[in-house]
Structures are given as C-alpha cells and as structure tokens.
PDB file of N, CA and C in Angstrom:
ATOM      1  N   UNK A   1      -6.545 -10.484   3.541  1.00  0.00           N
ATOM      2  CA  UNK A   1      -7.695  -9.609   3.430  1.00  0.00           C
ATOM      3  C   UNK A   1      -8.002  -8.943   4.782  1.00  0.00           C
ATOM      4  N   UNK A   2      -7.869  -9.732   5.835  1.00  0.00           N
ATOM      5  CA  UNK A   2      -8.120  -9.175   7.164  1.00  0.00           C
ATOM      6  C   UNK A   2      -7.082  -8.102   7.498  1.00  0.00           C
ATOM      7  N   UNK A   3      -5.832  -8.396   7.198  1.00  0.00           N
ATOM      8  CA  UNK A   3      -4.760  -7.436   7.458  1.00  0.00           C
ATOM      9  C   UNK A   3      -4.978  -6.148   6.673  1.00  0.00           C
ATOM     10  N   UNK A   4      -5.389  -6.261   5.425  1.00  0.00           N
ATOM     11  CA  UNK A   4      -5.640  -5.073   4.600  1.00  0.00           C
ATOM     12  C   UNK A   4      -6.817  -4.268   5.151  1.00  0.00           C
ATOM     13  N   UNK A   5      -7.847  -4.959   5.612  1.00  0.00           N
ATOM     14  CA  UNK A   5      -9.002  -4.265   6.191  1.00  0.00           C
ATOM     15  C   UNK A   5      -8.615  -3.529   7.472  1.00  0.00           C
ATOM     16  N   UNK A   6      -7.764  -4.160   8.280  1.00  0.00           N
ATOM     17  CA  UNK A   6      -7.286  -3.512   9.500  1.00  0.00           C
ATOM     18  C   UNK A   6      -6.446  -2.288   9.140  1.00  0.00           C
ATOM     19  N   UNK A   7      -5.648  -2.400   8.067  1.00  0.00           N
ATOM     20  CA  UNK A   7      -4.837  -1.262   7.632  1.00  0.00           C
ATOM     21  C   UNK A   7      -5.723  -0.080   7.247  1.00  0.00           C
ATOM     22  N   UNK A   8      -6.805  -0.359   6.548  1.00  0.00           N
ATOM     23  CA  UNK A   8      -7.735   0.713   6.172  1.00  0.00           C
ATOM     24  C   UNK A   8      -8.339   1.339   7.427  1.00  0.00           C
ATOM     25  N   UNK A   9      -8.827   0.518   8.327  1.00  0.00           N
ATOM     26  CA  UNK A   9      -9.469   1.035   9.539  1.00  0.00           C
ATOM     27  C   UNK A   9      -8.476   1.729  10.463  1.00  0.00           C
ATOM     28  N   UNK A  10      -7.194   1.324  10.389  1.00  0.00           N
ATOM     29  CA  UNK A  10      -6.169   1.968  11.196  1.00  0.00           C
ATOM     30  C   UNK A  10      -5.966   3.424  10.776  1.00  0.00           C
ATOM     31  N   UNK A  11      -6.301   3.741   9.542  1.00  0.00           N
ATOM     32  CA  UNK A  11      -6.217   5.121   9.047  1.00  0.00           C
ATOM     33  C   UNK A  11      -7.604   5.772   9.132  1.00  0.00           C
ATOM     34  N   UNK A  12      -8.206   5.697  10.310  1.00  0.00           N
ATOM     35  CA  UNK A  12      -9.593   6.137  10.496  1.00  0.00           C
ATOM     36  C   UNK A  12      -9.820   7.596  10.112  1.00  0.00           C
ATOM     37  N   UNK A  13      -8.806   8.429  10.214  1.00  0.00           N
ATOM     38  CA  UNK A  13      -8.979   9.841   9.860  1.00  0.00           C
ATOM     39  C   UNK A  13      -9.094  10.032   8.352  1.00  0.00           C
ATOM     40  N   UNK A  14      -8.837   8.977   7.556  1.00  0.00           N
ATOM     41  CA  UNK A  14      -8.937   9.058   6.103  1.00  0.00           C
ATOM     42  C   UNK A  14     -10.224   8.424   5.562  1.00  0.00           C
ATOM     43  N   UNK A  15     -11.069   7.888   6.435  1.00  0.00           N
ATOM     44  CA  UNK A  15     -12.246   7.144   5.994  1.00  0.00           C
ATOM     45  C   UNK A  15     -13.243   7.997   5.217  1.00  0.00           C
ATOM     46  N   UNK A  16     -13.254   9.297   5.428  1.00  0.00           N
ATOM     47  CA  UNK A  16     -14.165  10.192   4.712  1.00  0.00           C
ATOM     48  C   UNK A  16     -13.549  10.772   3.437  1.00  0.00           C
ATOM     49  N   UNK A  17     -12.347  10.321   3.068  1.00  0.00           N
ATOM     50  CA  UNK A  17     -11.643  10.884   1.912  1.00  0.00           C
ATOM     51  C   UNK A  17     -12.064  10.281   0.575  1.00  0.00           C
ATOM     52  N   UNK A  18     -12.951   9.302   0.593  1.00  0.00           N
ATOM     53  CA  UNK A  18     -13.473   8.750  -0.644  1.00  0.00           C
ATOM     54  C   UNK A  18     -12.893   7.396  -1.019  1.00  0.00           C
ATOM     55  N   UNK A  19     -13.504   6.791  -2.019  1.00  0.00           N
ATOM     56  CA  UNK A  19     -13.141   5.446  -2.457  1.00  0.00           C
ATOM     57  C   UNK A  19     -11.706   5.336  -2.963  1.00  0.00           C
ATOM     58  N   UNK A  20     -11.182   6.300  -3.732  1.00  0.00           N
ATOM     59  CA  UNK A  20      -9.785   6.161  -4.181  1.00  0.00           C
ATOM     60  C   UNK A  20      -8.797   6.022  -3.015  1.00  0.00           C
ATOM     61  N   UNK A  21      -8.998   6.780  -1.946  1.00  0.00           N
ATOM     62  CA  UNK A  21      -8.107   6.689  -0.789  1.00  0.00           C
ATOM     63  C   UNK A  21      -8.286   5.343  -0.091  1.00  0.00           C
ATOM     64  N   UNK A  22      -9.516   4.888   0.048  1.00  0.00           N
ATOM     65  CA  UNK A  22      -9.759   3.590   0.683  1.00  0.00           C
ATOM     66  C   UNK A  22      -9.148   2.461  -0.140  1.00  0.00           C
ATOM     67  N   UNK A  23      -9.258   2.551  -1.463  1.00  0.00           N
ATOM     68  CA  UNK A  23      -8.653   1.531  -2.337  1.00  0.00           C
ATOM     69  C   UNK A  23      -7.136   1.558  -2.211  1.00  0.00           C
ATOM     70  N   UNK A  24      -6.556   2.748  -2.180  1.00  0.00           N
ATOM     71  CA  UNK A  24      -5.101   2.880  -2.011  1.00  0.00           C
ATOM     72  C   UNK A  24      -4.655   2.241  -0.699  1.00  0.00           C
ATOM     73  N   UNK A  25      -5.350   2.536   0.381  1.00  0.00           N
ATOM     74  CA  UNK A  25      -5.003   1.965   1.679  1.00  0.00           C
ATOM     75  C   UNK A  25      -5.191   0.450   1.693  1.00  0.00           C
ATOM     76  N   UNK A  26      -6.235  -0.035   1.019  1.00  0.00           N
ATOM     77  CA  UNK A  26      -6.488  -1.476   0.985  1.00  0.00           C
ATOM     78  C   UNK A  26      -5.380  -2.203   0.227  1.00  0.00           C
ATOM     79  N   UNK A  27      -5.000  -1.706  -0.952  1.00  0.00           N
ATOM     80  CA  UNK A  27      -3.928  -2.345  -1.704  1.00  0.00           C
ATOM     81  C   UNK A  27      -2.589  -2.217  -0.996  1.00  0.00           C
ATOM     82  N   UNK A  28      -2.381  -1.116  -0.288  1.00  0.00           N
ATOM     83  CA  UNK A  28      -1.181  -0.984   0.534  1.00  0.00           C
ATOM     84  C   UNK A  28      -1.171  -2.083   1.591  1.00  0.00           C
ATOM     85  N   UNK A  29      -2.301  -2.289   2.252  1.00  0.00           N
ATOM     86  CA  UNK A  29      -2.414  -3.333   3.268  1.00  0.00           C
ATOM     87  C   UNK A  29      -2.196  -4.728   2.694  1.00  0.00           C
ATOM     88  N   UNK A  30      -2.752  -4.991   1.505  1.00  0.00           N
ATOM     89  CA  UNK A  30      -2.523  -6.288   0.856  1.00  0.00           C
ATOM     90  C   UNK A  30      -1.042  -6.499   0.558  1.00  0.00           C
ATOM     91  N   UNK A  31      -0.402  -5.460   0.043  1.00  0.00           N
ATOM     92  CA  UNK A  31       1.021  -5.560  -0.295  1.00  0.00           C
ATOM     93  C   UNK A  31       1.878  -5.775   0.949  1.00  0.00           C
ATOM     94  N   UNK A  32       1.588  -5.031   1.998  1.00  0.00           N
ATOM     95  CA  UNK A  32       2.354  -5.195   3.235  1.00  0.00           C
ATOM     96  C   UNK A  32       2.142  -6.581   3.840  1.00  0.00           C
ATOM     97  N   UNK A  33       0.896  -7.029   3.860  1.00  0.00           N
ATOM     98  CA  UNK A  33       0.605  -8.354   4.413  1.00  0.00           C
ATOM     99  C   UNK A  33       1.268  -9.468   3.630  1.00  0.00           C
ATOM    100  N   UNK A  34       1.225  -9.387   2.315  1.00  0.00           N
ATOM    101  CA  UNK A  34       1.835 -10.429   1.484  1.00  0.00           C
ATOM    102  C   UNK A  34       3.352 -10.392   1.584  1.00  0.00           C
ATOM    103  N   UNK A  35       3.932  -9.208   1.752  1.00  0.00           N
ATOM    104  CA  UNK A  35       5.388  -9.138   1.916  1.00  0.00           C
ATOM    105  C   UNK A  35       5.825  -9.833   3.206  1.00  0.00           C
ATOM    106  N   UNK A  36       5.009  -9.738   4.248  1.00  0.00           N
ATOM    107  CA  UNK A  36       5.310 -10.447   5.496  1.00  0.00           C
ATOM    108  C   UNK A  36       5.232 -11.954   5.270  1.00  0.00           C
ATOM    109  N   UNK A  37       4.221 -12.403   4.536  1.00  0.00           N
ATOM    110  CA  UNK A  37       4.074 -13.835   4.249  1.00  0.00           C
ATOM    111  C   UNK A  37       5.266 -14.340   3.432  1.00  0.00           C
ATOM    112  N   UNK A  38       5.663 -13.581   2.420  1.00  0.00           N
ATOM    113  CA  UNK A  38       6.752 -14.006   1.548  1.00  0.00           C
ATOM    114  C   UNK A  38       8.092 -14.063   2.271  1.00  0.00           C
ATOM    115  N   UNK A  39       8.400 -13.040   3.023  1.00  0.00           N
ATOM    116  CA  UNK A  39       9.721 -12.943   3.658  1.00  0.00           C
ATOM    117  C   UNK A  39       9.739 -13.450   5.093  1.00  0.00           C
ATOM    118  N   UNK A  40       8.558 -13.764   5.623  1.00  0.00           N
ATOM    119  CA  UNK A  40       8.434 -14.251   6.994  1.00  0.00           C
ATOM    120  C   UNK A  40       9.111 -13.302   7.990  1.00  0.00           C
ATOM    121  N   UNK A  41       8.950 -12.013   7.714  1.00  0.00           N
ATOM    122  CA  UNK A  41       9.534 -10.991   8.568  1.00  0.00           C
ATOM    123  C   UNK A  41       8.682  -9.731   8.489  1.00  0.00           C
ATOM    124  N   UNK A  42       8.443  -9.151   9.628  1.00  0.00           N
ATOM    125  CA  UNK A  42       7.689  -7.910   9.681  1.00  0.00           C
ATOM    126  C   UNK A  42       8.524  -6.724   9.204  1.00  0.00           C
ATOM    127  N   UNK A  43       9.853  -6.861   9.249  1.00  0.00           N
ATOM    128  CA  UNK A  43      10.738  -5.749   8.909  1.00  0.00           C
ATOM    129  C   UNK A  43      10.610  -5.309   7.457  1.00  0.00           C
ATOM    130  N   UNK A  44      10.335  -6.230   6.557  1.00  0.00           N
ATOM    131  CA  UNK A  44      10.151  -5.854   5.148  1.00  0.00           C
ATOM    132  C   UNK A  44       8.940  -4.932   5.019  1.00  0.00           C
ATOM    133  N   UNK A  45       7.849  -5.299   5.667  1.00  0.00           N
ATOM    134  CA  UNK A  45       6.641  -4.469   5.626  1.00  0.00           C
ATOM    135  C   UNK A  45       6.888  -3.113   6.290  1.00  0.00           C
ATOM    136  N   UNK A  46       7.617  -3.105   7.389  1.00  0.00           N
ATOM    137  CA  UNK A  46       7.941  -1.848   8.062  1.00  0.00           C
ATOM    138  C   UNK A  46       8.763  -0.961   7.121  1.00  0.00           C
ATOM    139  N   UNK A  47       9.740  -1.558   6.434  1.00  0.00           N
ATOM    140  CA  UNK A  47      10.561  -0.800   5.499  1.00  0.00           C
ATOM    141  C   UNK A  47       9.764  -0.233   4.338  1.00  0.00           C
ATOM    142  N   UNK A  48       8.862  -1.041   3.782  1.00  0.00           N
ATOM    143  CA  UNK A  48       8.018  -0.562   2.683  1.00  0.00           C
ATOM    144  C   UNK A  48       7.131   0.585   3.166  1.00  0.00           C
ATOM    145  N   UNK A  49       6.534   0.429   4.330  1.00  0.00           N
ATOM    146  CA  UNK A  49       5.647   1.459   4.868  1.00  0.00           C
ATOM    147  C   UNK A  49       6.415   2.746   5.152  1.00  0.00           C
ATOM    148  N   UNK A  50       7.566   2.636   5.802  1.00  0.00           N
ATOM    149  CA  UNK A  50       8.375   3.823   6.081  1.00  0.00           C
ATOM    150  C   UNK A  50       8.813   4.487   4.786  1.00  0.00           C
ATOM    151  N   UNK A  51       9.262   3.681   3.835  1.00  0.00           N
ATOM    152  CA  UNK A  51       9.698   4.228   2.552  1.00  0.00           C
ATOM    153  C   UNK A  51       8.577   4.973   1.844  1.00  0.00           C
ATOM    154  N   UNK A  52       7.384   4.396   1.859  1.00  0.00           N
ATOM    155  CA  UNK A  52       6.231   5.052   1.232  1.00  0.00           C
ATOM    156  C   UNK A  52       5.894   6.353   1.948  1.00  0.00           C
ATOM    157  N   UNK A  53       5.918   6.341   3.277  1.00  0.00           N
ATOM    158  CA  UNK A  53       5.628   7.562   4.034  1.00  0.00           C
ATOM    159  C   UNK A  53       6.659   8.654   3.752  1.00  0.00           C
ATOM    160  N   UNK A  54       7.924   8.280   3.683  1.00  0.00           N
ATOM    161  CA  UNK A  54       8.974   9.257   3.390  1.00  0.00           C
ATOM    162  C   UNK A  54       8.794   9.824   1.992  1.00  0.00           C
ATOM    163  N   UNK A  55       8.514   8.957   1.009  1.00  0.00           N
ATOM    164  CA  UNK A  55       8.317   9.423  -0.370  1.00  0.00           C
ATOM    165  C   UNK A  55       7.128  10.377  -0.457  1.00  0.00           C
ATOM    166  N   UNK A  56       6.047  10.068   0.225  1.00  0.00           N
ATOM    167  CA  UNK A  56       4.867  10.937   0.206  1.00  0.00           C
ATOM    168  C   UNK A  56       5.175  12.272   0.862  1.00  0.00           C
ATOM    169  N   UNK A  57       5.877  12.258   1.993  1.00  0.00           N
ATOM    170  CA  UNK A  57       6.212  13.510   2.678  1.00  0.00           C
ATOM    171  C   UNK A  57       7.158  14.369   1.850  1.00  0.00           C
ATOM    172  N   UNK A  58       8.116  13.741   1.166  1.00  0.00           N
ATOM    173  CA  UNK A  58       9.036  14.502   0.319  1.00  0.00           C
ATOM    174  C   UNK A  58       8.281  15.119  -0.854  1.00  0.00           C
ATOM    175  N   UNK A  59       7.385  14.334  -1.459  1.00  0.00           N
ATOM    176  CA  UNK A  59       6.625  14.884  -2.588  1.00  0.00           C
ATOM    177  C   UNK A  59       5.671  15.976  -2.126  1.00  0.00           C
ATOM    178  N   UNK A  60       5.091  15.829  -0.943  1.00  0.00           N
ATOM    179  CA  UNK A  60       4.201  16.869  -0.406  1.00  0.00           C
ATOM    180  C   UNK A  60       4.969  18.137  -0.073  1.00  0.00           C
ATOM    181  N   UNK A  61       6.213  18.002   0.354  1.00  0.00           N
ATOM    182  CA  UNK A  61       7.022  19.177   0.672  1.00  0.00           C
ATOM    183  C   UNK A  61       7.386  19.939  -0.605  1.00  0.00           C
ATOM    184  N   UNK A  62       7.536  19.208  -1.708  1.00  0.00           N
ATOM    185  CA  UNK A  62       7.919  19.837  -2.968  1.00  0.00           C
ATOM    186  C   UNK A  62       6.754  20.396  -3.749  1.00  0.00           C
ATOM    187  N   UNK A  63       5.570  19.815  -3.558  1.00  0.00           N
ATOM    188  CA  UNK A  63       4.393  20.235  -4.318  1.00  0.00           C
ATOM    189  C   UNK A  63       3.271  20.543  -3.347  1.00  0.00           C
ATOM    190  N   UNK A  64       2.991  21.795  -3.155  1.00  0.00           N
ATOM    191  CA  UNK A  64       1.894  22.188  -2.269  1.00  0.00           C
ATOM    192  C   UNK A  64       0.595  22.192  -3.072  1.00  0.00           C
ATOM    193  N   UNK A  65      -0.335  21.351  -2.661  1.00  0.00           N
ATOM    194  CA  UNK A  65      -1.632  21.303  -3.320  1.00  0.00           C
ATOM    195  C   UNK A  65      -2.706  21.533  -2.277  1.00  0.00           C
ATOM    196  N   UNK A  66      -3.871  21.907  -2.743  1.00  0.00           N
ATOM    197  CA  UNK A  66      -4.995  22.066  -1.836  1.00  0.00           C
ATOM    198  C   UNK A  66      -6.015  20.990  -2.155  1.00  0.00           C
ATOM    199  N   UNK A  67      -6.677  20.499  -1.147  1.00  0.00           N
ATOM    200  CA  UNK A  67      -7.685  19.469  -1.350  1.00  0.00           C
ATOM    201  C   UNK A  67      -7.054  18.134  -1.679  1.00  0.00           C
ATOM    202  N   UNK A  68      -7.874  17.224  -2.146  1.00  0.00           N
ATOM    203  CA  UNK A  68      -7.414  15.888  -2.513  1.00  0.00           C
ATOM    204  C   UNK A  68      -7.410  15.768  -4.024  1.00  0.00           C
ATOM    205  N   UNK A  69      -6.298  15.366  -4.561  1.00  0.00           N
ATOM    206  CA  UNK A  69      -6.162  15.169  -5.990  1.00  0.00           C
ATOM    207  C   UNK A  69      -6.508  13.714  -6.300  1.00  0.00           C
ATOM    208  N   UNK A  70      -7.712  13.483  -6.807  1.00  0.00           N
ATOM    209  CA  UNK A  70      -8.195  12.120  -7.024  1.00  0.00           C
ATOM    210  C   UNK A  70      -7.371  11.378  -8.072  1.00  0.00           C
ATOM    211  N   UNK A  71      -6.910  12.072  -9.111  1.00  0.00           N
ATOM    212  CA  UNK A  71      -6.130  11.409 -10.162  1.00  0.00           C
ATOM    213  C   UNK A  71      -4.824  10.859  -9.608  1.00  0.00           C
ATOM    214  N   UNK A  72      -4.118  11.627  -8.795  1.00  0.00           N
ATOM    215  CA  UNK A  72      -2.851  11.137  -8.243  1.00  0.00           C
ATOM    216  C   UNK A  72      -3.097  10.005  -7.250  1.00  0.00           C
ATOM    217  N   UNK A  73      -4.212  10.052  -6.527  1.00  0.00           N
ATOM    218  CA  UNK A  73      -4.544   8.956  -5.618  1.00  0.00           C
ATOM    219  C   UNK A  73      -4.847   7.687  -6.398  1.00  0.00           C
ATOM    220  N   UNK A  74      -5.520   7.804  -7.535  1.00  0.00           N
ATOM    221  CA  UNK A  74      -5.790   6.628  -8.368  1.00  0.00           C
ATOM    222  C   UNK A  74      -4.508   6.053  -8.947  1.00  0.00           C
ATOM    223  N   UNK A  75      -3.577   6.905  -9.316  1.00  0.00           N
ATOM    224  CA  UNK A  75      -2.278   6.430  -9.810  1.00  0.00           C
ATOM    225  C   UNK A  75      -1.558   5.676  -8.699  1.00  0.00           C
ATOM    226  N   UNK A  76      -1.556   6.228  -7.492  1.00  0.00           N
ATOM    227  CA  UNK A  76      -0.931   5.571  -6.354  1.00  0.00           C
ATOM    228  C   UNK A  76      -1.619   4.241  -6.049  1.00  0.00           C
ATOM    229  N   UNK A  77      -2.925   4.194  -6.167  1.00  0.00           N
ATOM    230  CA  UNK A  77      -3.663   2.942  -5.982  1.00  0.00           C
ATOM    231  C   UNK A  77      -3.199   1.906  -6.999  1.00  0.00           C
ATOM    232  N   UNK A  78      -3.029   2.331  -8.249  1.00  0.00           N
ATOM    233  CA  UNK A  78      -2.537   1.429  -9.286  1.00  0.00           C
ATOM    234  C   UNK A  78      -1.144   0.901  -8.998  1.00  0.00           C
ATOM    235  N   UNK A  79      -0.296   1.757  -8.455  1.00  0.00           N
ATOM    236  CA  UNK A  79       1.065   1.330  -8.101  1.00  0.00           C
ATOM    237  C   UNK A  79       1.021   0.251  -7.026  1.00  0.00           C
ATOM    238  N   UNK A  80       0.226   0.469  -5.977  1.00  0.00           N
ATOM    239  CA  UNK A  80       0.132  -0.537  -4.905  1.00  0.00           C
ATOM    240  C   UNK A  80      -0.540  -1.814  -5.401  1.00  0.00           C
ATOM    241  N   UNK A  81      -1.514  -1.695  -6.301  1.00  0.00           N
ATOM    242  CA  UNK A  81      -2.162  -2.885  -6.859  1.00  0.00           C
ATOM    243  C   UNK A  81      -1.163  -3.695  -7.682  1.00  0.00           C
ATOM    244  N   UNK A  82      -0.335  -3.013  -8.458  1.00  0.00           N
ATOM    245  CA  UNK A  82       0.688  -3.725  -9.247  1.00  0.00           C
ATOM    246  C   UNK A  82       1.727  -4.370  -8.348  1.00  0.00           C
ATOM    247  N   UNK A  83       2.136  -3.685  -7.286  1.00  0.00           N
ATOM    248  CA  UNK A  83       3.074  -4.294  -6.352  1.00  0.00           C
ATOM    249  C   UNK A  83       2.470  -5.549  -5.746  1.00  0.00           C
ATOM    250  N   UNK A  84       1.201  -5.482  -5.380  1.00  0.00           N
ATOM    251  CA  UNK A  84       0.532  -6.656  -4.831  1.00  0.00           C
ATOM    252  C   UNK A  84       0.531  -7.803  -5.838  1.00  0.00           C
ATOM    253  N   UNK A  85       0.248  -7.512  -7.104  1.00  0.00           N
ATOM    254  CA  UNK A  85       0.249  -8.559  -8.128  1.00  0.00           C
ATOM    255  C   UNK A  85       1.637  -9.163  -8.322  1.00  0.00           C
ATOM    256  N   UNK A  86       2.674  -8.337  -8.277  1.00  0.00           N
ATOM    257  CA  UNK A  86       4.048  -8.850  -8.392  1.00  0.00           C
ATOM    258  C   UNK A  86       4.378  -9.743  -7.198  1.00  0.00           C
ATOM    259  N   UNK A  87       4.003  -9.319  -6.005  1.00  0.00           N
ATOM    260  CA  UNK A  87       4.249 -10.133  -4.814  1.00  0.00           C
ATOM    261  C   UNK A  87       3.465 -11.443  -4.876  1.00  0.00           C
ATOM    262  N   UNK A  88       2.239 -11.391  -5.379  1.00  0.00           N
ATOM    263  CA  UNK A  88       1.432 -12.592  -5.531  1.00  0.00           C
ATOM    264  C   UNK A  88       2.077 -13.538  -6.529  1.00  0.00           C
ATOM    265  N   UNK A  89       2.595 -12.999  -7.626  1.00  0.00           N
ATOM    266  CA  UNK A  89       3.297 -13.805  -8.620  1.00  0.00           C
ATOM    267  C   UNK A  89       4.544 -14.435  -7.995  1.00  0.00           C
ATOM    268  N   UNK A  90       5.275 -13.664  -7.179  1.00  0.00           N
ATOM    269  CA  UNK A  90       6.462 -14.203  -6.512  1.00  0.00           C
ATOM    270  C   UNK A  90       6.090 -15.344  -5.571  1.00  0.00           C
ATOM    271  N   UNK A  91       4.988 -15.189  -4.866  1.00  0.00           N
ATOM    272  CA  UNK A  91       4.546 -16.246  -3.953  1.00  0.00           C
ATOM    273  C   UNK A  91       4.193 -17.506  -4.736  1.00  0.00           C
ATOM    274  N   UNK A  92       3.479 -17.345  -5.847  1.00  0.00           N
ATOM    275  CA  UNK A  92       3.118 -18.509  -6.666  1.00  0.00           C
ATOM    276  C   UNK A  92       4.346 -19.161  -7.277  1.00  0.00           C
ATOM    277  N   UNK A  93       5.343 -18.374  -7.637  1.00  0.00           N
ATOM    278  CA  UNK A  93       6.590 -18.929  -8.184  1.00  0.00           C
ATOM    279  C   UNK A  93       7.320 -19.741  -7.129  1.00  0.00           C
ATOM    280  N   UNK A  94       7.332 -19.271  -5.880  1.00  0.00           N
ATOM    281  CA  UNK A  94       7.986 -20.000  -4.804  1.00  0.00           C
ATOM    282  C   UNK A  94       7.278 -21.321  -4.529  1.00  0.00           C
ATOM    283  N   UNK A  95       5.959 -21.324  -4.607  1.00  0.00           N
ATOM    284  CA  UNK A  95       5.182 -22.540  -4.354  1.00  0.00           C
ATOM    285  C   UNK A  95       5.487 -23.573  -5.449  1.00  0.00           C
ATOM    286  N   UNK A  96       5.565 -23.142  -6.689  1.00  0.00           N
ATOM    287  CA  UNK A  96       5.835 -24.060  -7.808  1.00  0.00           C
ATOM    288  C   UNK A  96       7.248 -24.611  -7.727  1.00  0.00           C
ATOM    289  N   UNK A  97       8.213 -23.819  -7.248  1.00  0.00           N
ATOM    290  CA  UNK A  97       9.602 -24.249  -7.153  1.00  0.00           C
ATOM    291  C   UNK A  97       9.823 -25.218  -6.007  1.00  0.00           C
ATOM    292  N   UNK A  98       8.955 -25.195  -4.999  1.00  0.00           N
ATOM    293  CA  UNK A  98       9.126 -26.027  -3.808  1.00  0.00           C
ATOM    294  C   UNK A  98       8.784 -27.469  -4.044  1.00  0.00           C
TER     295      UNK A  98
END
C-alpha cells in the first residue's frame, strides 16, 4: 500500500487529472509492488513499467485525442486491478504450496 501511494505521488503532474487516473496509478503501483514481492527482483517491475509506458506511447502515437478520455482510463484501471488480483492469487498459491 505504501509503495502504491508513493507511485501515485511520484506522478505529481497527474494529481489534478481526477479519480480514474489516481485509481489507475494506484493499481499500477500495487501490481508493481506485488510483482517485486513475488519474484524478489526489481527487474520484473521495471519491465512491466517500461512495457506499459511503451504500449501507452504507441497507442498515443496512433490515436490522437484531445483531453482525457475517462472511459479508456477506467478500462486501464480495470486491467491493472485484474493484474493485481492475479498476482495476489499467485502469491497465495505459493504460500499454500510451501
């Protein structure tokens, strides 16, 4: 939770973009933090973050929009929330197997 909160605050220029963006950043932070816990390596989180940034930049280059599209941000928030749930399930599976 602390790591996710730091991730949100690290994107300080996005703090005025509304709740959907803050939720997206928070779930991104949860997913990145849990991936570090699961794999015991920062490189997995770095790879996920870089991959997400590249995907966003490629999609932005292909689709020029104006303003903030709240629906697409909510979809992205859902994707990161689901990734977090899958990672949480993986962590619980590892604990039960140990």
